[in-house]
Amino acid sequence: MKVFASSDLQRNPSEIQKAALLEPVFLSYHDKPRYVIMSLEEYVRLKGATILASPRSLPDSVIERIHEIANSHPDMDVEVGGGLAVHLE
């Protein structure tokens, strides 16, 4: 995994975004890893059934993208009702 300084977010955000599409990347603060940035696909894969949220807490574009990700994975199902839930079957 790549490690970037938190100051790199301002200097070169596109490099961090490109790296995060390939694998999760660490952001360090005072030379200590503090945060992880990853693609939404990786987040959905890792969180699986534990993604639970009120639809009002997420922008429509995020909910739509999660549906697209789930549709590309036959073992995943998304429900939106009183809340958003991603299920791995």
PDB file of N, CA and C in Angstrom:
ATOM      1  N   MET A   1       0.832  -1.181   0.000  1.00  0.00           N
ATOM      2  CA  MET A   1       0.000   0.000   0.000  1.00  0.00           C
ATOM      3  C   MET A   1       0.878   1.246   0.000  1.00  0.00           C
ATOM      4  N   LYS A   2       0.370   2.270  -0.652  1.00  0.00           N
ATOM      5  CA  LYS A   2       1.087   3.532  -0.673  1.00  0.00           C
ATOM      6  C   LYS A   2       0.742   4.355   0.561  1.00  0.00           C
ATOM      7  N   VAL A   3       1.689   5.190   0.945  1.00  0.00           N
ATOM      8  CA  VAL A   3       1.498   6.095   2.073  1.00  0.00           C
ATOM      9  C   VAL A   3       1.727   7.511   1.564  1.00  0.00           C
ATOM     10  N   PHE A   4       0.800   8.402   1.875  1.00  0.00           N
ATOM     11  CA  PHE A   4       0.904   9.807   1.515  1.00  0.00           C
ATOM     12  C   PHE A   4       0.815  10.642   2.782  1.00  0.00           C
ATOM     13  N   ALA A   5       1.495  11.768   2.791  1.00  0.00           N
ATOM     14  CA  ALA A   5       1.357  12.712   3.894  1.00  0.00           C
ATOM     15  C   ALA A   5       0.010  13.413   3.745  1.00  0.00           C
ATOM     16  N   SER A   6      -0.595  13.780   4.856  1.00  0.00           N
ATOM     17  CA  SER A   6      -1.892  14.446   4.776  1.00  0.00           C
ATOM     18  C   SER A   6      -1.797  15.746   3.977  1.00  0.00           C
ATOM     19  N   SER A   7      -0.639  16.373   3.958  1.00  0.00           N
ATOM     20  CA  SER A   7      -0.466  17.602   3.166  1.00  0.00           C
ATOM     21  C   SER A   7      -0.545  17.331   1.662  1.00  0.00           C
ATOM     22  N   ASP A   8      -0.336  16.087   1.253  1.00  0.00           N
ATOM     23  CA  ASP A   8      -0.450  15.727  -0.168  1.00  0.00           C
ATOM     24  C   ASP A   8      -1.885  15.860  -0.674  1.00  0.00           C
ATOM     25  N   LEU A   9      -2.857  15.837   0.232  1.00  0.00           N
ATOM     26  CA  LEU A   9      -4.251  16.007  -0.181  1.00  0.00           C
ATOM     27  C   LEU A   9      -4.455  17.344  -0.880  1.00  0.00           C
ATOM     28  N   GLN A  10      -3.753  18.365  -0.449  1.00  0.00           N
ATOM     29  CA  GLN A  10      -3.869  19.683  -1.069  1.00  0.00           C
ATOM     30  C   GLN A  10      -2.958  19.823  -2.280  1.00  0.00           C
ATOM     31  N   ARG A  11      -1.772  19.220  -2.203  1.00  0.00           N
ATOM     32  CA  ARG A  11      -0.790  19.383  -3.277  1.00  0.00           C
ATOM     33  C   ARG A  11      -1.069  18.524  -4.495  1.00  0.00           C
ATOM     34  N   ASN A  12      -1.492  17.300  -4.283  1.00  0.00           N
ATOM     35  CA  ASN A  12      -1.668  16.383  -5.409  1.00  0.00           C
ATOM     36  C   ASN A  12      -2.811  15.400  -5.146  1.00  0.00           C
ATOM     37  N   PRO A  13      -4.025  15.909  -5.051  1.00  0.00           N
ATOM     38  CA  PRO A  13      -5.144  15.009  -4.744  1.00  0.00           C
ATOM     39  C   PRO A  13      -5.412  13.973  -5.829  1.00  0.00           C
ATOM     40  N   SER A  14      -5.137  14.302  -7.086  1.00  0.00           N
ATOM     41  CA  SER A  14      -5.430  13.344  -8.161  1.00  0.00           C
ATOM     42  C   SER A  14      -4.553  12.097  -8.054  1.00  0.00           C
ATOM     43  N   GLU A  15      -3.314  12.243  -7.619  1.00  0.00           N
ATOM     44  CA  GLU A  15      -2.432  11.073  -7.456  1.00  0.00           C
ATOM     45  C   GLU A  15      -2.975  10.145  -6.366  1.00  0.00           C
ATOM     46  N   ILE A  16      -3.458  10.727  -5.284  1.00  0.00           N
ATOM     47  CA  ILE A  16      -4.024   9.923  -4.198  1.00  0.00           C
ATOM     48  C   ILE A  16      -5.290   9.221  -4.667  1.00  0.00           C
ATOM     49  N   GLN A  17      -6.135   9.938  -5.395  1.00  0.00           N
ATOM     50  CA  GLN A  17      -7.362   9.329  -5.898  1.00  0.00           C
ATOM     51  C   GLN A  17      -7.068   8.178  -6.851  1.00  0.00           C
ATOM     52  N   LYS A  18      -6.102   8.357  -7.741  1.00  0.00           N
ATOM     53  CA  LYS A  18      -5.741   7.279  -8.675  1.00  0.00           C
ATOM     54  C   LYS A  18      -5.209   6.069  -7.927  1.00  0.00           C
ATOM     55  N   ALA A  19      -4.369   6.301  -6.928  1.00  0.00           N
ATOM     56  CA  ALA A  19      -3.813   5.197  -6.147  1.00  0.00           C
ATOM     57  C   ALA A  19      -4.912   4.464  -5.380  1.00  0.00           C
ATOM     58  N   ALA A  20      -5.882   5.219  -4.854  1.00  0.00           N
ATOM     59  CA  ALA A  20      -6.965   4.616  -4.067  1.00  0.00           C
ATOM     60  C   ALA A  20      -7.911   3.780  -4.919  1.00  0.00           C
ATOM     61  N   LEU A  21      -7.941   4.033  -6.227  1.00  0.00           N
ATOM     62  CA  LEU A  21      -8.750   3.182  -7.107  1.00  0.00           C
ATOM     63  C   LEU A  21      -8.148   1.793  -7.243  1.00  0.00           C
ATOM     64  N   LEU A  22      -6.828   1.699  -7.083  1.00  0.00           N
ATOM     65  CA  LEU A  22      -6.138   0.415  -7.231  1.00  0.00           C
ATOM     66  C   LEU A  22      -6.086  -0.374  -5.928  1.00  0.00           C
ATOM     67  N   GLU A  23      -5.913   0.344  -4.820  1.00  0.00           N
ATOM     68  CA  GLU A  23      -5.826  -0.290  -3.507  1.00  0.00           C
ATOM     69  C   GLU A  23      -5.991   0.788  -2.440  1.00  0.00           C
ATOM     70  N   PRO A  24      -6.357   0.402  -1.224  1.00  0.00           N
ATOM     71  CA  PRO A  24      -6.440   1.404  -0.163  1.00  0.00           C
ATOM     72  C   PRO A  24      -5.073   2.065   0.053  1.00  0.00           C
ATOM     73  N   VAL A  25      -5.085   3.356   0.362  1.00  0.00           N
ATOM     74  CA  VAL A  25      -3.842   4.082   0.627  1.00  0.00           C
ATOM     75  C   VAL A  25      -3.924   4.694   2.028  1.00  0.00           C
ATOM     76  N   PHE A  26      -2.773   4.829   2.664  1.00  0.00           N
ATOM     77  CA  PHE A  26      -2.693   5.442   3.983  1.00  0.00           C
ATOM     78  C   PHE A  26      -2.381   6.920   3.854  1.00  0.00           C
ATOM     79  N   LEU A  27      -2.982   7.713   4.722  1.00  0.00           N
ATOM     80  CA  LEU A  27      -2.610   9.116   4.876  1.00  0.00           C
ATOM     81  C   LEU A  27      -1.957   9.234   6.241  1.00  0.00           C
ATOM     82  N   SER A  28      -0.776   9.810   6.244  1.00  0.00           N
ATOM     83  CA  SER A  28      -0.064   9.933   7.511  1.00  0.00           C
ATOM     84  C   SER A  28      -0.104  11.371   8.011  1.00  0.00           C
ATOM     85  N   TYR A  29      -0.020  11.497   9.312  1.00  0.00           N
ATOM     86  CA  TYR A  29       0.036  12.793   9.978  1.00  0.00           C
ATOM     87  C   TYR A  29       1.181  12.724  10.964  1.00  0.00           C
ATOM     88  N   HIS A  30       2.154  13.593  10.794  1.00  0.00           N
ATOM     89  CA  HIS A  30       3.395  13.556  11.592  1.00  0.00           C
ATOM     90  C   HIS A  30       4.055  12.176  11.488  1.00  0.00           C
ATOM     91  N   ASP A  31       4.126  11.679  10.269  1.00  0.00           N
ATOM     92  CA  ASP A  31       4.786  10.402   9.944  1.00  0.00           C
ATOM     93  C   ASP A  31       4.124   9.164  10.568  1.00  0.00           C
ATOM     94  N   LYS A  32       2.894   9.292  11.030  1.00  0.00           N
ATOM     95  CA  LYS A  32       2.172   8.142  11.570  1.00  0.00           C
ATOM     96  C   LYS A  32       0.924   7.922  10.728  1.00  0.00           C
ATOM     97  N   PRO A  33       0.708   6.695  10.225  1.00  0.00           N
ATOM     98  CA  PRO A  33      -0.524   6.426   9.471  1.00  0.00           C
ATOM     99  C   PRO A  33      -1.747   6.715  10.341  1.00  0.00           C
ATOM    100  N   ARG A  34      -2.668   7.518   9.789  1.00  0.00           N
ATOM    101  CA  ARG A  34      -3.821   7.911  10.577  1.00  0.00           C
ATOM    102  C   ARG A  34      -5.141   7.615   9.880  1.00  0.00           C
ATOM    103  N   TYR A  35      -5.166   7.674   8.558  1.00  0.00           N
ATOM    104  CA  TYR A  35      -6.403   7.488   7.793  1.00  0.00           C
ATOM    105  C   TYR A  35      -6.148   6.539   6.636  1.00  0.00           C
ATOM    106  N   VAL A  36      -7.233   5.980   6.120  1.00  0.00           N
ATOM    107  CA  VAL A  36      -7.173   5.140   4.936  1.00  0.00           C
ATOM    108  C   VAL A  36      -8.183   5.679   3.929  1.00  0.00           C
ATOM    109  N   ILE A  37      -7.759   5.807   2.683  1.00  0.00           N
ATOM    110  CA  ILE A  37      -8.664   6.201   1.599  1.00  0.00           C
ATOM    111  C   ILE A  37      -8.751   5.011   0.656  1.00  0.00           C
ATOM    112  N   MET A  38      -9.991   4.685   0.267  1.00  0.00           N
ATOM    113  CA  MET A  38     -10.190   3.555  -0.640  1.00  0.00           C
ATOM    114  C   MET A  38     -11.352   3.857  -1.567  1.00  0.00           C
ATOM    115  N   SER A  39     -11.464   3.071  -2.604  1.00  0.00           N
ATOM    116  CA  SER A  39     -12.578   3.225  -3.545  1.00  0.00           C
ATOM    117  C   SER A  39     -13.877   2.810  -2.867  1.00  0.00           C
ATOM    118  N   LEU A  40     -14.976   3.317  -3.386  1.00  0.00           N
ATOM    119  CA  LEU A  40     -16.280   2.923  -2.854  1.00  0.00           C
ATOM    120  C   LEU A  40     -16.506   1.427  -3.059  1.00  0.00           C
ATOM    121  N   GLU A  41     -16.018   0.876  -4.168  1.00  0.00           N
ATOM    122  CA  GLU A  41     -16.148  -0.569  -4.415  1.00  0.00           C
ATOM    123  C   GLU A  41     -15.470  -1.368  -3.309  1.00  0.00           C
ATOM    124  N   GLU A  42     -14.268  -0.963  -2.919  1.00  0.00           N
ATOM    125  CA  GLU A  42     -13.543  -1.675  -1.864  1.00  0.00           C
ATOM    126  C   GLU A  42     -14.252  -1.512  -0.523  1.00  0.00           C
ATOM    127  N   TYR A  43     -14.776  -0.335  -0.265  1.00  0.00           N
ATOM    128  CA  TYR A  43     -15.506  -0.092   0.975  1.00  0.00           C
ATOM    129  C   TYR A  43     -16.737  -1.000   1.052  1.00  0.00           C
ATOM    130  N   VAL A  44     -17.510  -1.063  -0.020  1.00  0.00           N
ATOM    131  CA  VAL A  44     -18.696  -1.917  -0.044  1.00  0.00           C
ATOM    132  C   VAL A  44     -18.297  -3.376   0.141  1.00  0.00           C
ATOM    133  N   ARG A  45     -17.222  -3.796  -0.527  1.00  0.00           N
ATOM    134  CA  ARG A  45     -16.762  -5.182  -0.402  1.00  0.00           C
ATOM    135  C   ARG A  45     -16.374  -5.488   1.041  1.00  0.00           C
ATOM    136  N   LEU A  46     -15.646  -4.585   1.685  1.00  0.00           N
ATOM    137  CA  LEU A  46     -15.190  -4.819   3.051  1.00  0.00           C
ATOM    138  C   LEU A  46     -16.324  -4.763   4.067  1.00  0.00           C
ATOM    139  N   LYS A  47     -17.209  -3.809   3.903  1.00  0.00           N
ATOM    140  CA  LYS A  47     -18.285  -3.636   4.874  1.00  0.00           C
ATOM    141  C   LYS A  47     -19.398  -4.655   4.703  1.00  0.00           C
ATOM    142  N   GLY A  48     -19.644  -5.064   3.465  1.00  0.00           N
ATOM    143  CA  GLY A  48     -20.667  -6.074   3.213  1.00  0.00           C
ATOM    144  C   GLY A  48     -21.963  -5.764   3.914  1.00  0.00           C
ATOM    145  N   ALA A  49     -22.452  -6.697   4.675  1.00  0.00           N
ATOM    146  CA  ALA A  49     -23.761  -6.570   5.317  1.00  0.00           C
ATOM    147  C   ALA A  49     -23.775  -5.528   6.424  1.00  0.00           C
ATOM    148  N   THR A  50     -22.623  -4.988   6.781  1.00  0.00           N
ATOM    149  CA  THR A  50     -22.616  -4.028   7.879  1.00  0.00           C
ATOM    150  C   THR A  50     -22.812  -2.592   7.415  1.00  0.00           C
ATOM    151  N   ILE A  51     -23.044  -2.374   6.112  1.00  0.00           N
ATOM    152  CA  ILE A  51     -23.368  -1.020   5.661  1.00  0.00           C
ATOM    153  C   ILE A  51     -24.848  -0.804   5.950  1.00  0.00           C
ATOM    154  N   LEU A  52     -25.115  -0.052   6.961  1.00  0.00           N
ATOM    155  CA  LEU A  52     -26.482   0.279   7.329  1.00  0.00           C
ATOM    156  C   LEU A  52     -26.540   1.788   7.501  1.00  0.00           C
ATOM    157  N   ALA A  53     -27.428   2.437   6.805  1.00  0.00           N
ATOM    158  CA  ALA A  53     -27.521   3.884   6.902  1.00  0.00           C
ATOM    159  C   ALA A  53     -28.915   4.336   6.535  1.00  0.00           C
ATOM    160  N   SER A  54     -29.287   5.458   7.057  1.00  0.00           N
ATOM    161  CA  SER A  54     -30.539   6.076   6.652  1.00  0.00           C
ATOM    162  C   SER A  54     -30.334   6.648   5.260  1.00  0.00           C
ATOM    163  N   PRO A  55     -31.275   6.426   4.346  1.00  0.00           N
ATOM    164  CA  PRO A  55     -31.110   6.990   3.003  1.00  0.00           C
ATOM    165  C   PRO A  55     -30.910   8.502   3.032  1.00  0.00           C
ATOM    166  N   ARG A  56     -31.455   9.170   4.035  1.00  0.00           N
ATOM    167  CA  ARG A  56     -31.274  10.622   4.136  1.00  0.00           C
ATOM    168  C   ARG A  56     -29.846  10.991   4.514  1.00  0.00           C
ATOM    169  N   SER A  57     -29.087  10.055   5.083  1.00  0.00           N
ATOM    170  CA  SER A  57     -27.719  10.370   5.500  1.00  0.00           C
ATOM    171  C   SER A  57     -26.720  10.246   4.355  1.00  0.00           C
ATOM    172  N   LEU A  58     -27.153   9.684   3.227  1.00  0.00           N
ATOM    173  CA  LEU A  58     -26.271   9.522   2.067  1.00  0.00           C
ATOM    174  C   LEU A  58     -26.854  10.262   0.873  1.00  0.00           C
ATOM    175  N   PRO A  59     -25.995  10.914   0.088  1.00  0.00           N
ATOM    176  CA  PRO A  59     -26.491  11.543  -1.143  1.00  0.00           C
ATOM    177  C   PRO A  59     -27.032  10.476  -2.104  1.00  0.00           C
ATOM    178  N   ASP A  60     -28.012  10.869  -2.918  1.00  0.00           N
ATOM    179  CA  ASP A  60     -28.589   9.940  -3.889  1.00  0.00           C
ATOM    180  C   ASP A  60     -27.523   9.337  -4.791  1.00  0.00           C
ATOM    181  N   SER A  61     -26.505  10.129  -5.156  1.00  0.00           N
ATOM    182  CA  SER A  61     -25.454   9.624  -6.040  1.00  0.00           C
ATOM    183  C   SER A  61     -24.689   8.463  -5.398  1.00  0.00           C
ATOM    184  N   VAL A  62     -24.510   8.500  -4.078  1.00  0.00           N
ATOM    185  CA  VAL A  62     -23.816   7.409  -3.377  1.00  0.00           C
ATOM    186  C   VAL A  62     -24.692   6.161  -3.373  1.00  0.00           C
ATOM    187  N   ILE A  63     -25.972   6.323  -3.080  1.00  0.00           N
ATOM    188  CA  ILE A  63     -26.887   5.176  -3.075  1.00  0.00           C
ATOM    189  C   ILE A  63     -26.951   4.544  -4.463  1.00  0.00           C
ATOM    190  N   GLU A  64     -27.038   5.383  -5.502  1.00  0.00           N
ATOM    191  CA  GLU A  64     -27.068   4.863  -6.874  1.00  0.00           C
ATOM    192  C   GLU A  64     -25.795   4.095  -7.198  1.00  0.00           C
ATOM    193  N   ARG A  65     -24.633   4.624  -6.780  1.00  0.00           N
ATOM    194  CA  ARG A  65     -23.355   3.947  -7.064  1.00  0.00           C
ATOM    195  C   ARG A  65     -23.266   2.621  -6.320  1.00  0.00           C
ATOM    196  N   ILE A  66     -23.759   2.574  -5.086  1.00  0.00           N
ATOM    197  CA  ILE A  66     -23.762   1.306  -4.338  1.00  0.00           C
ATOM    198  C   ILE A  66     -24.637   0.286  -5.054  1.00  0.00           C
ATOM    199  N   HIS A  67     -25.777   0.718  -5.590  1.00  0.00           N
ATOM    200  CA  HIS A  67     -26.624  -0.191  -6.374  1.00  0.00           C
ATOM    201  C   HIS A  67     -25.870  -0.708  -7.599  1.00  0.00           C
ATOM    202  N   GLU A  68     -25.142   0.159  -8.295  1.00  0.00           N
ATOM    203  CA  GLU A  68     -24.362  -0.269  -9.466  1.00  0.00           C
ATOM    204  C   GLU A  68     -23.323  -1.309  -9.070  1.00  0.00           C
ATOM    205  N   ILE A  69     -22.637  -1.074  -7.956  1.00  0.00           N
ATOM    206  CA  ILE A  69     -21.627  -2.023  -7.482  1.00  0.00           C
ATOM    207  C   ILE A  69     -22.282  -3.361  -7.159  1.00  0.00           C
ATOM    208  N   ALA A  70     -23.406  -3.314  -6.438  1.00  0.00           N
ATOM    209  CA  ALA A  70     -24.100  -4.553  -6.073  1.00  0.00           C
ATOM    210  C   ALA A  70     -24.582  -5.305  -7.304  1.00  0.00           C
ATOM    211  N   ASN A  71     -25.059  -4.579  -8.308  1.00  0.00           N
ATOM    212  CA  ASN A  71     -25.528  -5.234  -9.529  1.00  0.00           C
ATOM    213  C   ASN A  71     -24.406  -5.924 -10.282  1.00  0.00           C
ATOM    214  N   SER A  72     -23.178  -5.468 -10.097  1.00  0.00           N
ATOM    215  CA  SER A  72     -22.054  -6.105 -10.791  1.00  0.00           C
ATOM    216  C   SER A  72     -21.493  -7.290 -10.000  1.00  0.00           C
ATOM    217  N   HIS A  73     -22.014  -7.517  -8.796  1.00  0.00           N
ATOM    218  CA  HIS A  73     -21.596  -8.648  -7.964  1.00  0.00           C
ATOM    219  C   HIS A  73     -22.827  -9.485  -7.640  1.00  0.00           C
ATOM    220  N   PRO A  74     -22.978 -10.670  -8.231  1.00  0.00           N
ATOM    221  CA  PRO A  74     -24.180 -11.479  -8.025  1.00  0.00           C
ATOM    222  C   PRO A  74     -24.397 -11.932  -6.583  1.00  0.00           C
ATOM    223  N   ASP A  75     -23.355 -11.902  -5.744  1.00  0.00           N
ATOM    224  CA  ASP A  75     -23.495 -12.339  -4.359  1.00  0.00           C
ATOM    225  C   ASP A  75     -23.893 -11.198  -3.417  1.00  0.00           C
ATOM    226  N   MET A  76     -24.224 -10.033  -3.981  1.00  0.00           N
ATOM    227  CA  MET A  76     -24.540  -8.868  -3.176  1.00  0.00           C
ATOM    228  C   MET A  76     -25.943  -8.375  -3.500  1.00  0.00           C
ATOM    229  N   ASP A  77     -26.659  -7.938  -2.472  1.00  0.00           N
ATOM    230  CA  ASP A  77     -28.007  -7.412  -2.652  1.00  0.00           C
ATOM    231  C   ASP A  77     -28.118  -6.135  -1.829  1.00  0.00           C
ATOM    232  N   VAL A  78     -28.813  -5.146  -2.366  1.00  0.00           N
ATOM    233  CA  VAL A  78     -28.977  -3.873  -1.671  1.00  0.00           C
ATOM    234  C   VAL A  78     -30.454  -3.634  -1.433  1.00  0.00           C
ATOM    235  N   GLU A  79     -30.786  -3.214  -0.221  1.00  0.00           N
ATOM    236  CA  GLU A  79     -32.164  -2.857   0.116  1.00  0.00           C
ATOM    237  C   GLU A  79     -32.181  -1.410   0.566  1.00  0.00           C
ATOM    238  N   VAL A  80     -33.149  -0.663   0.090  1.00  0.00           N
ATOM    239  CA  VAL A  80     -33.361   0.694   0.566  1.00  0.00           C
ATOM    240  C   VAL A  80     -34.816   0.794   0.987  1.00  0.00           C
ATOM    241  N   GLY A  81     -35.018   1.083   2.228  1.00  0.00           N
ATOM    242  CA  GLY A  81     -36.369   1.239   2.768  1.00  0.00           C
ATOM    243  C   GLY A  81     -36.248   2.274   3.860  1.00  0.00           C
ATOM    244  N   GLY A  82     -36.399   1.814   5.108  1.00  0.00           N
ATOM    245  CA  GLY A  82     -36.148   2.705   6.231  1.00  0.00           C
ATOM    246  C   GLY A  82     -34.669   2.977   6.378  1.00  0.00           C
ATOM    247  N   GLY A  83     -33.842   2.183   5.710  1.00  0.00           N
ATOM    248  CA  GLY A  83     -32.398   2.338   5.766  1.00  0.00           C
ATOM    249  C   GLY A  83     -31.754   1.605   4.608  1.00  0.00           C
ATOM    250  N   LEU A  84     -30.488   1.862   4.377  1.00  0.00           N
ATOM    251  CA  LEU A  84     -29.733   1.196   3.318  1.00  0.00           C
ATOM    252  C   LEU A  84     -29.020  -0.003   3.921  1.00  0.00           C
ATOM    253  N   ALA A  85     -29.148  -1.149   3.299  1.00  0.00           N
ATOM    254  CA  ALA A  85     -28.455  -2.355   3.773  1.00  0.00           C
ATOM    255  C   ALA A  85     -27.872  -3.083   2.587  1.00  0.00           C
ATOM    256  N   VAL A  86     -26.631  -3.498   2.687  1.00  0.00           N
ATOM    257  CA  VAL A  86     -25.984  -4.300   1.649  1.00  0.00           C
ATOM    258  C   VAL A  86     -25.817  -5.695   2.220  1.00  0.00           C
ATOM    259  N   HIS A  87     -26.326  -6.673   1.498  1.00  0.00           N
ATOM    260  CA  HIS A  87     -26.274  -8.060   1.972  1.00  0.00           C
ATOM    261  C   HIS A  87     -25.380  -8.887   1.055  1.00  0.00           C
ATOM    262  N   LEU A  88     -24.531  -9.683   1.649  1.00  0.00           N
ATOM    263  CA  LEU A  88     -23.748 -10.667   0.902  1.00  0.00           C
ATOM    264  C   LEU A  88     -24.455 -11.996   1.062  1.00  0.00           C
ATOM    265  N   GLU A  89     -24.749 -12.634  -0.056  1.00  0.00           N
ATOM    266  CA  GLU A  89     -25.466 -13.919   0.016  1.00  0.00           C
ATOM    267  C   GLU A  89     -24.510 -15.078  -0.094  1.00  0.00           C
TER     268      GLU A  89
END
